[in-house]
N, C-alpha and C. Protein backbone atom coordinates (compact mmCIF):
# COMPACT_ATOMS: atom_id res chain seq x y z
N MET A 1 0.81 -1.19 0.00
CA MET A 1 0.00 0.00 0.00
C MET A 1 0.85 1.25 0.00
N GLY A 2 2.14 1.10 0.19
CA GLY A 2 2.99 2.29 0.18
C GLY A 2 3.16 2.89 1.56
N ALA A 3 3.60 4.12 1.59
CA ALA A 3 3.83 4.82 2.85
C ALA A 3 3.37 6.26 2.70
N ASP A 4 2.99 6.85 3.82
CA ASP A 4 2.59 8.26 3.82
C ASP A 4 3.81 9.17 3.68
N PHE A 5 4.97 8.65 4.10
CA PHE A 5 6.21 9.42 4.05
C PHE A 5 7.37 8.44 4.02
N TYR A 6 8.55 8.92 3.73
CA TYR A 6 9.75 8.10 3.72
C TYR A 6 10.75 8.69 4.70
N GLU A 7 11.55 7.82 5.27
CA GLU A 7 12.52 8.25 6.27
C GLU A 7 13.93 8.18 5.69
N LEU A 8 14.70 9.17 5.99
CA LEU A 8 16.13 9.13 5.71
C LEU A 8 16.80 8.60 6.96
N GLY A 9 18.04 8.15 6.85
CA GLY A 9 18.75 7.63 8.00
C GLY A 9 18.81 8.61 9.16
N SER A 10 18.87 9.90 8.86
CA SER A 10 18.94 10.91 9.91
C SER A 10 17.58 11.19 10.54
N ASP A 11 16.49 10.72 9.91
CA ASP A 11 15.14 10.95 10.43
C ASP A 11 14.77 10.02 11.57
N ARG A 12 15.49 8.94 11.74
CA ARG A 12 15.14 7.95 12.76
C ARG A 12 16.41 7.53 13.49
N GLY A 13 16.22 6.95 14.66
CA GLY A 13 17.36 6.43 15.40
C GLY A 13 17.84 5.12 14.80
N SER A 14 19.02 4.70 15.14
CA SER A 14 19.58 3.47 14.58
C SER A 14 18.88 2.22 15.11
N GLU A 15 18.15 2.33 16.21
CA GLU A 15 17.46 1.20 16.81
C GLU A 15 16.08 0.96 16.20
N ILE A 16 15.59 1.89 15.40
CA ILE A 16 14.24 1.79 14.85
C ILE A 16 14.28 1.15 13.46
N THR A 17 13.41 0.17 13.25
CA THR A 17 13.30 -0.46 11.94
C THR A 17 12.71 0.55 10.95
N PRO A 18 13.33 0.71 9.79
CA PRO A 18 12.80 1.69 8.82
C PRO A 18 11.47 1.24 8.22
N ILE A 19 10.70 2.20 7.74
CA ILE A 19 9.44 1.89 7.07
C ILE A 19 9.73 1.09 5.81
N GLY A 20 8.95 0.04 5.59
CA GLY A 20 9.11 -0.79 4.40
C GLY A 20 9.48 -2.21 4.78
N ILE A 21 9.93 -2.95 3.81
CA ILE A 21 10.28 -4.36 3.98
C ILE A 21 11.79 -4.50 3.92
N GLY A 22 12.35 -5.16 4.94
CA GLY A 22 13.79 -5.34 5.03
C GLY A 22 14.34 -6.37 4.04
N ARG A 23 15.63 -6.58 4.14
CA ARG A 23 16.32 -7.53 3.27
C ARG A 23 16.05 -8.97 3.69
N ASN A 24 16.12 -9.88 2.72
CA ASN A 24 16.01 -11.32 2.94
C ASN A 24 14.70 -11.72 3.63
N CYS A 25 13.62 -11.07 3.27
CA CYS A 25 12.30 -11.41 3.81
C CYS A 25 11.57 -12.33 2.83
N VAL A 26 10.72 -13.19 3.38
CA VAL A 26 9.86 -14.05 2.57
C VAL A 26 8.43 -13.69 2.94
N ILE A 27 7.63 -13.29 1.95
CA ILE A 27 6.25 -12.88 2.20
C ILE A 27 5.35 -13.66 1.25
N ASP A 28 4.40 -14.41 1.84
CA ASP A 28 3.50 -15.26 1.06
C ASP A 28 2.08 -15.07 1.57
N ARG A 29 1.16 -14.80 0.68
CA ARG A 29 -0.26 -14.62 1.00
C ARG A 29 -0.45 -13.64 2.15
N ALA A 30 -0.04 -12.40 1.91
CA ALA A 30 -0.10 -11.36 2.95
C ALA A 30 -0.51 -10.02 2.36
N ILE A 31 -1.13 -9.22 3.21
CA ILE A 31 -1.43 -7.82 2.91
C ILE A 31 -0.65 -6.99 3.90
N ILE A 32 0.14 -6.06 3.40
CA ILE A 32 0.95 -5.20 4.27
C ILE A 32 0.43 -3.78 4.11
N ASP A 33 -0.07 -3.22 5.20
CA ASP A 33 -0.69 -1.90 5.15
C ASP A 33 0.36 -0.79 5.19
N LYS A 34 -0.11 0.45 5.05
CA LYS A 34 0.76 1.62 4.99
C LYS A 34 1.64 1.77 6.24
N ASN A 35 2.82 2.27 6.02
CA ASN A 35 3.77 2.62 7.08
C ASN A 35 4.19 1.45 7.96
N ALA A 36 4.01 0.21 7.48
CA ALA A 36 4.46 -0.95 8.24
C ALA A 36 5.98 -1.02 8.19
N ARG A 37 6.55 -1.57 9.25
CA ARG A 37 8.00 -1.74 9.37
C ARG A 37 8.29 -3.23 9.53
N ILE A 38 8.89 -3.82 8.51
CA ILE A 38 9.23 -5.23 8.55
C ILE A 38 10.74 -5.32 8.46
N ALA A 39 11.36 -5.80 9.53
CA ALA A 39 12.82 -5.84 9.63
C ALA A 39 13.41 -6.94 8.74
N ASP A 40 14.71 -7.01 8.69
CA ASP A 40 15.44 -8.00 7.89
C ASP A 40 15.16 -9.42 8.36
N GLY A 41 15.08 -10.35 7.41
CA GLY A 41 14.99 -11.77 7.72
C GLY A 41 13.64 -12.24 8.24
N VAL A 42 12.59 -11.49 8.03
CA VAL A 42 11.25 -11.87 8.51
C VAL A 42 10.60 -12.82 7.51
N VAL A 43 9.87 -13.81 8.02
CA VAL A 43 9.10 -14.73 7.18
C VAL A 43 7.63 -14.54 7.52
N VAL A 44 6.81 -14.24 6.52
CA VAL A 44 5.38 -14.03 6.70
C VAL A 44 4.64 -15.02 5.82
N THR A 45 3.94 -15.97 6.43
CA THR A 45 3.15 -16.95 5.69
C THR A 45 2.06 -17.51 6.61
N PRO A 46 0.89 -17.76 6.08
CA PRO A 46 -0.17 -18.34 6.91
C PRO A 46 -0.06 -19.86 7.02
N GLU A 47 0.92 -20.45 6.36
CA GLU A 47 1.08 -21.90 6.32
C GLU A 47 1.14 -22.49 7.72
N GLY A 48 0.28 -23.48 7.99
CA GLY A 48 0.29 -24.18 9.27
C GLY A 48 -0.35 -23.41 10.41
N LYS A 49 -1.05 -22.34 10.11
CA LYS A 49 -1.68 -21.52 11.15
C LYS A 49 -3.19 -21.55 10.97
N PRO A 50 -3.95 -21.17 12.01
CA PRO A 50 -5.41 -21.16 11.88
C PRO A 50 -5.87 -20.17 10.80
N GLU A 51 -7.06 -20.40 10.26
CA GLU A 51 -7.65 -19.51 9.25
C GLU A 51 -7.84 -18.10 9.78
N ASN A 52 -8.19 -17.98 11.06
CA ASN A 52 -8.42 -16.69 11.70
C ASN A 52 -7.67 -16.66 13.03
N PHE A 53 -6.84 -15.64 13.20
CA PHE A 53 -5.97 -15.56 14.38
C PHE A 53 -5.61 -14.10 14.61
N ASP A 54 -5.52 -13.70 15.88
CA ASP A 54 -5.12 -12.34 16.24
C ASP A 54 -3.85 -12.36 17.07
N ALA A 55 -2.88 -11.55 16.69
CA ALA A 55 -1.64 -11.38 17.46
C ALA A 55 -1.42 -9.88 17.65
N GLU A 56 -0.36 -9.53 18.35
CA GLU A 56 -0.11 -8.12 18.68
C GLU A 56 0.12 -7.25 17.44
N ASN A 57 0.96 -7.70 16.52
CA ASN A 57 1.33 -6.86 15.36
C ASN A 57 0.85 -7.40 14.02
N TYR A 58 0.01 -8.41 14.04
CA TYR A 58 -0.54 -8.96 12.81
C TYR A 58 -1.79 -9.77 13.13
N TYR A 59 -2.54 -10.09 12.10
CA TYR A 59 -3.66 -11.01 12.27
C TYR A 59 -3.85 -11.79 10.98
N ILE A 60 -4.59 -12.88 11.08
CA ILE A 60 -4.87 -13.72 9.92
C ILE A 60 -6.39 -13.78 9.75
N ARG A 61 -6.85 -13.53 8.53
CA ARG A 61 -8.26 -13.61 8.19
C ARG A 61 -8.41 -14.42 6.91
N ASP A 62 -9.21 -15.48 7.00
CA ASP A 62 -9.46 -16.33 5.83
C ASP A 62 -8.17 -16.80 5.17
N GLY A 63 -7.16 -17.10 5.98
CA GLY A 63 -5.89 -17.62 5.46
C GLY A 63 -4.96 -16.59 4.87
N ILE A 64 -5.24 -15.30 5.09
CA ILE A 64 -4.37 -14.22 4.61
C ILE A 64 -3.78 -13.49 5.81
N VAL A 65 -2.47 -13.34 5.85
CA VAL A 65 -1.82 -12.59 6.94
C VAL A 65 -1.96 -11.11 6.64
N VAL A 66 -2.37 -10.34 7.64
CA VAL A 66 -2.50 -8.90 7.49
C VAL A 66 -1.57 -8.21 8.49
N ILE A 67 -0.67 -7.38 7.97
CA ILE A 67 0.19 -6.55 8.81
C ILE A 67 -0.46 -5.16 8.79
N PRO A 68 -1.05 -4.72 9.92
CA PRO A 68 -1.81 -3.47 9.90
C PRO A 68 -0.93 -2.22 9.82
N LYS A 69 -1.59 -1.10 9.57
CA LYS A 69 -0.93 0.20 9.46
C LYS A 69 -0.08 0.48 10.69
N ASN A 70 1.14 0.94 10.48
CA ASN A 70 2.10 1.34 11.52
C ASN A 70 2.63 0.19 12.37
N ALA A 71 2.39 -1.06 11.99
CA ALA A 71 2.90 -2.20 12.76
C ALA A 71 4.41 -2.34 12.54
N THR A 72 5.09 -2.91 13.54
CA THR A 72 6.52 -3.20 13.43
C THR A 72 6.75 -4.68 13.71
N ILE A 73 7.42 -5.35 12.79
CA ILE A 73 7.77 -6.76 12.93
C ILE A 73 9.29 -6.81 13.12
N PRO A 74 9.77 -7.38 14.25
CA PRO A 74 11.20 -7.37 14.55
C PRO A 74 12.03 -8.30 13.65
N PRO A 75 13.35 -8.11 13.63
CA PRO A 75 14.23 -8.92 12.78
C PRO A 75 14.11 -10.42 13.08
N GLY A 76 14.10 -11.23 12.02
CA GLY A 76 14.11 -12.67 12.16
C GLY A 76 12.80 -13.29 12.62
N PHE A 77 11.74 -12.52 12.74
CA PHE A 77 10.45 -13.00 13.25
C PHE A 77 9.78 -13.89 12.21
N TRP A 78 9.18 -14.98 12.66
CA TRP A 78 8.43 -15.88 11.78
C TRP A 78 6.96 -15.77 12.10
N ILE A 79 6.18 -15.43 11.10
CA ILE A 79 4.72 -15.40 11.26
C ILE A 79 4.17 -16.56 10.47
């Protein structure tokens, strides 16, 4: 869906995951909303999970993973 704005390295601290999708990520059957932050090495797939599920930074509906607006997924996280 894109982003409302883009960050330069000087716009954020070094500890904050930048807006967008990091390197070496695998994304399958997912919707990623605006301004989401997905760190490096994240795997997003509904495979092996319930059809409908709610978690802190994502949810699954009808077998589709949804990363909501402004959510942050930490490095190496498997969904």
